[in-house]
N, C-alpha and C. Protein backbone atom coordinates (compact mmCIF):
# COMPACT_ATOMS: atom_id res chain seq x y z
N MET A 1 81.07 120.74 123.73
CA MET A 1 80.59 119.24 123.95
C MET A 1 79.90 118.89 125.13
N SER A 2 78.71 118.23 125.05
CA SER A 2 78.09 117.71 126.19
C SER A 2 78.58 116.17 126.34
N ASP A 3 78.11 115.57 127.35
CA ASP A 3 78.59 114.27 127.76
C ASP A 3 77.38 113.53 127.17
N ASP A 4 76.23 114.13 126.52
CA ASP A 4 75.61 113.15 125.42
C ASP A 4 76.11 112.43 124.41
N ALA A 5 75.38 111.45 123.96
CA ALA A 5 75.70 110.55 122.66
C ALA A 5 75.87 111.77 121.56
N ILE A 6 76.43 111.56 120.52
CA ILE A 6 76.48 112.29 119.33
C ILE A 6 75.40 112.49 118.66
N LYS A 7 74.86 113.58 118.45
CA LYS A 7 73.68 113.92 117.88
C LYS A 7 73.83 114.33 116.36
N LEU A 8 73.46 113.59 115.55
CA LEU A 8 73.65 113.89 113.97
C LEU A 8 72.43 114.85 113.64
N PRO A 9 72.70 115.93 112.75
CA PRO A 9 74.12 116.02 112.06
C PRO A 9 74.89 116.88 112.88
N VAL A 10 76.29 116.59 112.92
CA VAL A 10 77.23 117.60 113.82
C VAL A 10 77.29 118.73 112.99
N ASP A 11 76.89 119.97 113.33
CA ASP A 11 76.93 121.34 112.75
C ASP A 11 78.34 121.89 112.89
N VAL A 12 78.60 123.07 112.49
CA VAL A 12 80.07 123.77 112.41
C VAL A 12 80.25 124.28 113.80
N SER A 13 79.17 124.54 114.41
CA SER A 13 79.61 125.07 116.13
C SER A 13 80.28 123.96 116.89
N CYS A 14 79.91 122.73 116.51
CA CYS A 14 80.54 121.49 117.31
C CYS A 14 81.86 121.37 116.56
N ILE A 15 81.85 121.58 115.24
CA ILE A 15 82.93 121.04 114.57
C ILE A 15 84.35 122.08 114.88
N LEU A 16 84.07 123.24 115.38
CA LEU A 16 84.79 124.23 115.72
C LEU A 16 85.48 123.83 117.19
N HIS A 17 84.56 123.16 117.87
CA HIS A 17 85.10 122.53 119.14
C HIS A 17 86.20 121.23 118.89
N LEU A 18 85.96 120.55 117.60
CA LEU A 18 86.61 119.36 117.62
C LEU A 18 88.07 119.77 116.91
N LEU A 19 88.18 120.69 115.87
CA LEU A 19 89.15 120.67 114.97
C LEU A 19 89.62 122.25 115.39
N PRO A 20 91.14 122.48 115.22
CA PRO A 20 91.53 123.50 115.59
C PRO A 20 91.43 124.70 114.23
N HIS A 21 91.12 124.00 113.05
CA HIS A 21 91.16 125.01 111.92
C HIS A 21 90.11 125.99 111.96
N ARG A 22 90.42 127.24 111.53
CA ARG A 22 89.51 128.15 111.41
C ARG A 22 89.30 128.86 109.98
N TYR A 23 88.42 129.92 109.88
CA TYR A 23 88.25 130.56 108.53
C TYR A 23 89.78 131.07 107.99
N PRO A 24 90.11 130.79 106.93
CA PRO A 24 89.37 130.29 105.69
C PRO A 24 90.02 128.65 105.42
N PHE A 25 90.13 128.20 106.67
CA PHE A 25 90.87 126.88 106.28
C PHE A 25 89.92 125.81 107.18
N LEU A 26 88.87 126.06 107.66
CA LEU A 26 87.96 125.23 108.05
C LEU A 26 87.20 124.56 106.67
N LEU A 27 87.25 123.11 106.35
CA LEU A 27 86.84 122.82 105.10
C LEU A 27 85.84 121.61 105.42
N VAL A 28 85.32 121.78 106.38
CA VAL A 28 84.04 120.75 106.53
C VAL A 28 83.04 121.53 107.40
N ASP A 29 81.67 121.39 106.76
CA ASP A 29 80.57 122.07 107.18
C ASP A 29 79.63 121.26 108.18
N ARG A 30 79.77 120.09 107.70
CA ARG A 30 78.64 119.16 108.57
C ARG A 30 79.03 118.03 108.47
N VAL A 31 78.72 117.11 109.47
CA VAL A 31 78.97 115.54 109.81
C VAL A 31 77.56 115.06 109.60
N VAL A 32 77.38 114.01 108.67
CA VAL A 32 75.63 113.64 108.66
C VAL A 32 75.81 112.17 109.03
N GLU A 33 76.78 111.56 108.88
CA GLU A 33 76.79 109.92 109.25
C GLU A 33 77.84 109.75 110.09
N LEU A 34 78.01 108.93 111.05
CA LEU A 34 79.35 108.30 111.94
C LEU A 34 79.03 107.00 112.22
N GLU A 35 80.21 106.53 112.19
CA GLU A 35 79.91 104.62 112.98
C GLU A 35 81.48 104.88 113.41
N PRO A 36 81.44 105.14 114.79
CA PRO A 36 82.68 105.44 115.54
C PRO A 36 83.85 104.30 115.34
N HIS A 37 85.13 104.95 115.29
CA HIS A 37 86.25 103.80 114.84
C HIS A 37 86.09 103.29 113.38
N LYS A 38 84.98 103.93 112.52
CA LYS A 38 84.98 102.96 111.39
C LYS A 38 84.88 103.71 110.35
N ARG A 39 83.74 104.86 110.23
CA ARG A 39 83.67 105.68 109.16
C ARG A 39 82.84 106.99 109.50
N ILE A 40 82.92 107.93 108.69
CA ILE A 40 82.05 109.21 108.65
C ILE A 40 81.85 109.67 107.49
N ARG A 41 80.81 110.37 107.33
CA ARG A 41 80.44 111.20 106.06
C ARG A 41 79.98 112.38 106.52
N ALA A 42 80.69 113.54 105.61
CA ALA A 42 80.58 114.85 105.81
C ALA A 42 80.65 115.64 104.83
N TYR A 43 80.41 116.93 104.95
CA TYR A 43 80.41 117.70 103.53
C TYR A 43 80.62 119.04 103.81
N LYS A 44 81.08 119.64 102.66
CA LYS A 44 81.45 121.01 102.59
C LYS A 44 80.82 121.63 101.35
N ASN A 45 79.98 122.68 101.60
CA ASN A 45 79.26 123.60 100.72
C ASN A 45 80.20 124.58 100.02
N VAL A 46 80.52 124.40 98.54
CA VAL A 46 81.68 125.10 98.01
C VAL A 46 80.81 126.08 97.27
N THR A 47 81.27 127.55 97.94
CA THR A 47 80.66 128.60 97.23
C THR A 47 81.51 129.59 96.67
N PHE A 48 81.34 130.57 95.67
CA PHE A 48 82.11 131.12 94.93
C PHE A 48 82.71 132.41 95.70
N ASN A 49 82.28 132.48 97.36
CA ASN A 49 83.12 133.42 98.15
C ASN A 49 84.40 132.92 98.76
N GLU A 50 84.51 131.38 98.25
CA GLU A 50 85.77 130.82 98.85
C GLU A 50 86.98 132.08 98.52
N PRO A 51 88.00 132.40 99.53
CA PRO A 51 89.00 133.25 99.03
C PRO A 51 90.25 132.48 98.03
N PHE A 52 90.17 131.32 98.09
CA PHE A 52 91.19 130.68 97.00
C PHE A 52 90.46 131.00 95.55
N PHE A 53 89.27 130.95 95.41
CA PHE A 53 88.89 131.42 93.91
C PHE A 53 89.12 132.57 93.32
N GLN A 54 89.69 133.53 94.28
CA GLN A 54 90.40 134.88 93.53
C GLN A 54 91.33 134.58 92.69
N GLY A 55 92.30 133.54 92.77
CA GLY A 55 93.43 133.50 92.30
C GLY A 55 93.62 131.83 91.53
N HIS A 56 92.47 131.17 91.90
CA HIS A 56 92.49 129.75 91.36
C HIS A 56 91.26 129.38 90.73
N PHE A 57 90.99 129.85 89.65
CA PHE A 57 91.83 130.75 88.65
C PHE A 57 90.68 131.79 88.16
N PRO A 58 91.18 132.98 88.03
CA PRO A 58 90.23 134.28 87.77
C PRO A 58 89.43 133.78 86.37
N GLY A 59 88.27 133.81 86.42
CA GLY A 59 87.44 133.67 85.29
C GLY A 59 86.91 132.18 85.24
N ARG A 60 87.76 131.40 85.85
CA ARG A 60 87.22 129.97 85.82
C ARG A 60 87.86 129.17 87.20
N PRO A 61 86.80 129.47 88.04
CA PRO A 61 87.25 129.16 89.48
C PRO A 61 87.23 127.52 89.70
N VAL A 62 88.36 126.97 90.16
CA VAL A 62 88.39 125.61 90.61
C VAL A 62 89.02 125.52 92.03
N MET A 63 88.52 124.61 92.84
CA MET A 63 89.02 124.31 94.22
C MET A 63 90.40 123.59 94.02
N PRO A 64 91.44 123.96 94.37
CA PRO A 64 92.52 123.49 94.36
C PRO A 64 92.58 121.90 94.92
N GLY A 65 93.17 121.02 94.31
CA GLY A 65 93.04 119.82 94.80
C GLY A 65 93.71 119.39 96.09
N VAL A 66 94.90 120.28 96.40
CA VAL A 66 95.42 120.06 97.70
C VAL A 66 94.37 120.55 98.81
N LEU A 67 93.57 121.39 98.62
CA LEU A 67 92.54 121.63 99.64
C LEU A 67 91.58 120.61 99.78
N VAL A 68 91.03 119.91 98.75
CA VAL A 68 90.21 118.70 98.57
C VAL A 68 90.83 117.79 99.53
N VAL A 69 92.12 117.38 99.21
CA VAL A 69 92.84 116.27 100.18
C VAL A 69 92.75 116.90 101.62
N GLU A 70 93.20 118.28 101.99
CA GLU A 70 93.06 118.64 103.33
C GLU A 70 91.90 118.45 103.74
N ALA A 71 90.45 118.66 103.07
CA ALA A 71 89.22 118.56 103.63
C ALA A 71 88.94 116.90 104.01
N MET A 72 89.45 116.26 103.03
CA MET A 72 89.14 114.77 103.49
C MET A 72 89.96 114.40 104.66
N ALA A 73 91.37 115.06 104.70
CA ALA A 73 92.06 114.82 106.29
C ALA A 73 91.27 115.38 107.42
N GLN A 74 90.48 116.52 107.22
CA GLN A 74 89.90 116.98 108.30
C GLN A 74 88.67 116.41 108.74
N ALA A 75 88.02 115.86 107.70
CA ALA A 75 87.07 114.63 107.94
C ALA A 75 87.47 113.61 108.70
N GLY A 76 88.89 113.16 108.39
CA GLY A 76 89.10 111.97 109.26
C GLY A 76 89.69 112.55 110.65
N GLY A 77 90.12 113.71 110.81
CA GLY A 77 90.26 114.13 112.34
C GLY A 77 88.89 114.33 112.99
N LEU A 78 87.99 114.62 112.47
CA LEU A 78 86.60 114.55 112.91
C LEU A 78 86.03 113.08 113.26
N LEU A 79 86.32 112.05 112.53
CA LEU A 79 85.95 110.87 112.66
C LEU A 79 86.78 110.35 113.96
N THR A 80 88.10 110.54 114.21
CA THR A 80 88.99 110.22 115.31
C THR A 80 88.51 110.93 116.71
N GLN A 81 87.93 112.15 116.39
CA GLN A 81 87.73 112.95 117.63
C GLN A 81 86.37 112.60 118.24
N LEU A 82 85.30 112.31 117.18
CA LEU A 82 83.96 111.84 117.62
C LEU A 82 83.89 110.32 118.04
N SER A 83 84.80 109.65 117.65
CA SER A 83 85.04 108.36 118.25
C SER A 83 85.54 108.09 119.58
N GLN A 84 86.07 109.30 120.24
CA GLN A 84 86.46 109.09 121.52
C GLN A 84 85.16 109.32 122.53
N PRO A 85 85.48 108.62 123.76
CA PRO A 85 84.50 108.89 124.75
C PRO A 85 84.30 110.46 124.88
N ARG A 86 83.17 110.79 125.12
CA ARG A 86 82.72 112.17 125.40
C ARG A 86 83.82 112.95 126.54
N ASP A 87 84.26 112.37 127.54
CA ASP A 87 85.04 113.12 128.28
C ASP A 87 86.65 112.83 128.12
N GLN A 88 86.96 112.35 126.83
CA GLN A 88 88.28 112.19 126.41
C GLN A 88 88.38 113.07 125.16
N ILE A 89 87.53 113.69 124.67
CA ILE A 89 87.53 114.55 123.39
C ILE A 89 88.54 115.95 124.03
N SER A 90 89.66 116.15 123.27
CA SER A 90 90.28 117.10 123.52
C SER A 90 90.15 118.23 122.52
N GLU A 91 89.74 119.35 123.01
CA GLU A 91 89.56 120.51 121.98
C GLU A 91 91.21 121.08 122.11
N GLY A 92 91.34 121.36 120.75
CA GLY A 92 92.83 122.03 120.62
C GLY A 92 93.72 120.83 120.40
N LYS A 93 93.47 119.61 120.48
CA LYS A 93 94.43 118.52 119.91
C LYS A 93 94.80 118.74 118.57
N LEU A 94 96.18 118.57 118.27
CA LEU A 94 96.32 118.68 116.98
C LEU A 94 96.86 117.32 116.31
N PHE A 95 96.32 116.98 115.19
CA PHE A 95 96.79 116.02 114.31
C PHE A 95 97.13 116.39 113.28
N TYR A 96 98.34 115.88 112.50
CA TYR A 96 99.01 116.43 111.37
C TYR A 96 99.17 115.45 110.35
N LEU A 97 98.65 116.08 109.02
CA LEU A 97 98.66 115.16 108.02
C LEU A 97 100.26 115.09 107.60
N VAL A 98 100.63 113.34 107.61
CA VAL A 98 101.98 112.95 107.39
C VAL A 98 102.26 112.37 106.20
N LYS A 99 101.15 112.03 105.40
CA LYS A 99 101.28 111.02 104.56
C LYS A 99 100.15 111.14 103.46
N VAL A 100 100.34 111.39 102.17
CA VAL A 100 99.01 111.11 101.08
C VAL A 100 99.58 109.81 100.30
N ASP A 101 98.72 109.08 100.02
CA ASP A 101 99.05 107.94 98.98
C ASP A 101 97.92 107.78 98.05
N ASN A 102 98.45 107.38 96.90
CA ASN A 102 97.13 106.99 95.78
C ASN A 102 96.11 107.95 95.72
N ALA A 103 96.65 109.33 95.47
CA ALA A 103 95.93 110.43 95.34
C ALA A 103 95.39 110.61 93.71
N ARG A 104 94.08 110.58 93.74
CA ARG A 104 93.53 110.84 92.38
C ARG A 104 92.49 111.99 92.19
N PHE A 105 92.58 112.40 91.16
CA PHE A 105 91.62 113.77 90.95
C PHE A 105 90.99 113.43 89.72
N ASN A 106 89.56 113.20 89.92
CA ASN A 106 88.59 112.81 88.55
C ASN A 106 87.91 113.79 87.82
N ARG A 107 87.84 114.84 88.67
CA ARG A 107 86.97 115.82 87.96
C ARG A 107 87.18 117.30 89.04
N MET A 108 86.91 118.30 88.36
CA MET A 108 87.35 119.77 89.04
C MET A 108 86.08 119.75 90.01
N VAL A 109 86.26 120.57 91.07
CA VAL A 109 85.32 121.08 92.02
C VAL A 109 84.99 122.55 91.72
N VAL A 110 84.12 122.90 91.63
CA VAL A 110 83.69 124.36 91.07
C VAL A 110 82.69 124.83 92.25
N PRO A 111 82.55 126.35 92.23
CA PRO A 111 81.54 126.85 93.18
C PRO A 111 80.10 126.34 92.73
N GLY A 112 79.29 126.23 93.71
CA GLY A 112 77.99 125.63 93.65
C GLY A 112 78.05 124.02 93.88
N ASP A 113 79.10 123.46 93.82
CA ASP A 113 78.95 121.94 94.40
C ASP A 113 79.15 121.73 96.01
N LYS A 114 78.36 120.71 96.08
CA LYS A 114 78.63 120.03 97.51
C LYS A 114 79.31 119.05 97.68
N LEU A 115 80.36 119.08 98.18
CA LEU A 115 81.49 118.12 98.18
C LEU A 115 81.32 117.50 99.33
N ASP A 116 80.93 116.00 99.23
CA ASP A 116 80.60 114.97 100.11
C ASP A 116 82.08 114.16 100.42
N PHE A 117 82.02 113.98 101.75
CA PHE A 117 83.39 112.97 101.96
C PHE A 117 83.08 111.65 102.61
N GLU A 118 83.59 110.78 102.44
CA GLU A 118 83.41 109.53 102.79
C GLU A 118 84.74 108.97 103.27
N VAL A 119 85.02 108.98 104.53
CA VAL A 119 86.30 108.65 105.30
C VAL A 119 86.20 107.48 105.90
N LYS A 120 86.92 106.33 105.90
CA LYS A 120 86.97 105.19 106.51
C LYS A 120 88.47 104.91 107.13
N VAL A 121 88.29 104.14 108.53
CA VAL A 121 89.54 103.91 108.86
C VAL A 121 90.04 102.75 108.71
N LYS A 122 91.34 102.71 107.77
CA LYS A 122 91.70 101.72 107.15
C LYS A 122 92.49 100.88 108.28
N ARG A 123 93.44 101.58 109.16
CA ARG A 123 94.39 101.03 110.11
C ARG A 123 94.71 102.00 111.31
N LEU A 124 94.66 101.65 112.59
CA LEU A 124 95.24 102.38 113.43
C LEU A 124 96.47 102.01 113.99
N ILE A 125 97.39 103.04 114.24
CA ILE A 125 98.95 102.63 114.39
C ILE A 125 99.43 103.44 115.43
N ARG A 126 99.30 102.97 116.88
CA ARG A 126 99.68 103.65 117.92
C ARG A 126 99.02 105.15 117.88
N ASN A 127 99.67 106.42 117.60
CA ASN A 127 98.94 107.67 117.83
C ASN A 127 98.62 108.21 116.35
N MET A 128 98.61 107.27 115.40
CA MET A 128 98.29 107.41 113.90
C MET A 128 97.18 106.83 113.55
N ALA A 129 96.36 107.48 112.38
CA ALA A 129 95.17 106.66 111.89
C ALA A 129 95.51 106.88 110.10
N LEU A 130 95.24 105.53 109.67
CA LEU A 130 95.61 105.78 108.11
C LEU A 130 93.91 105.29 107.47
N TYR A 131 93.52 106.65 106.85
CA TYR A 131 92.07 106.69 106.39
C TYR A 131 92.09 106.51 104.97
N ASP A 132 91.08 105.54 104.50
CA ASP A 132 90.69 105.61 102.82
C ASP A 132 89.85 106.60 102.84
N CYS A 133 90.01 107.70 101.90
CA CYS A 133 89.15 108.82 101.63
C CYS A 133 88.74 109.05 100.19
N ALA A 134 87.35 109.35 100.29
CA ALA A 134 86.92 109.82 98.85
C ALA A 134 86.03 110.93 98.91
N ALA A 135 86.22 111.93 97.81
CA ALA A 135 85.28 112.94 98.11
C ALA A 135 84.63 112.90 96.60
N SER A 136 83.11 113.29 96.81
CA SER A 136 82.31 113.17 95.54
C SER A 136 81.37 114.45 95.31
N VAL A 137 80.94 114.58 94.34
CA VAL A 137 80.01 115.76 93.82
C VAL A 137 78.86 114.83 92.99
N ASP A 138 77.60 115.06 93.64
CA ASP A 138 76.35 114.55 92.85
C ASP A 138 76.59 113.07 92.59
N GLY A 139 77.27 112.36 93.51
CA GLY A 139 77.41 110.84 93.49
C GLY A 139 78.85 110.36 92.73
N GLN A 140 79.30 111.37 92.25
CA GLN A 140 80.44 111.07 91.31
C GLN A 140 81.67 111.38 92.09
N VAL A 141 82.64 110.36 92.11
CA VAL A 141 83.92 110.58 93.01
C VAL A 141 84.69 111.56 92.34
N VAL A 142 85.20 112.58 92.90
CA VAL A 142 86.03 113.76 92.41
C VAL A 142 87.51 113.67 92.65
N ALA A 143 87.79 112.85 93.78
CA ALA A 143 89.27 112.76 94.36
C ALA A 143 88.99 111.80 95.42
N SER A 144 90.20 110.89 95.37
CA SER A 144 90.20 109.87 96.52
C SER A 144 91.80 109.74 96.70
N ALA A 145 92.02 109.32 98.29
CA ALA A 145 93.41 109.29 98.63
C ALA A 145 93.54 108.17 99.78
N GLU A 146 94.69 107.66 100.37
CA GLU A 146 94.78 107.41 101.43
C GLU A 146 95.57 108.41 102.23
N ILE A 147 95.14 108.65 103.42
CA ILE A 147 95.81 109.55 104.15
C ILE A 147 95.97 109.12 105.50
N LEU A 148 97.41 109.43 106.07
CA LEU A 148 97.97 109.08 107.27
C LEU A 148 98.18 110.47 108.09
N CYS A 149 97.47 110.37 109.17
CA CYS A 149 97.44 111.57 109.85
C CYS A 149 98.04 111.11 111.47
N ALA A 150 98.87 111.80 112.27
CA ALA A 150 99.49 111.71 113.40
C ALA A 150 99.15 112.71 114.42
N GLU A 151 99.05 112.27 115.62
CA GLU A 151 98.71 113.14 116.86
C GLU A 151 100.21 113.96 117.02
N GLY A 152 99.92 115.40 117.31
CA GLY A 152 101.08 116.11 117.49
C GLY A 152 101.57 115.68 118.85
N LYS A 153 102.92 115.96 118.96
CA LYS A 153 103.47 115.96 120.51
C LYS A 153 103.54 117.29 120.93
N GLU A 154 103.26 117.34 122.22
CA GLU A 154 103.10 118.87 123.02
C GLU A 154 104.77 119.31 122.88
């Protein structure tokens, strides 16, 4: 990351500097909107080549709901990281998912879907952030949850 202001879209090469996740568990491809400390919009292109589709489910591939929740949490982590002053962004800093409330799944996510994430900061509590998250496909909400993440202690 440079010391310049964030330039949108934030691509996967930058995301790799901000999140510790790697293939096959990096679940955000691009950040397209950012209001620091408030909200982020990002997305994942869901392809048939995702490793989880081999077993979930053969002949009827469906993205596991827990991975949709994880993807929303990763978008929240990007919101937190991208909201920091450039000189305070910490590569390799770990944030852990500690709580999920009010999770709802409205529709299956399948190969070919573009999974859009809208994550808003609901509350900041010391080293934790409570996010209000929604994932949608073609403008229809497919999943939503309140997610609490905490910074890991070294």
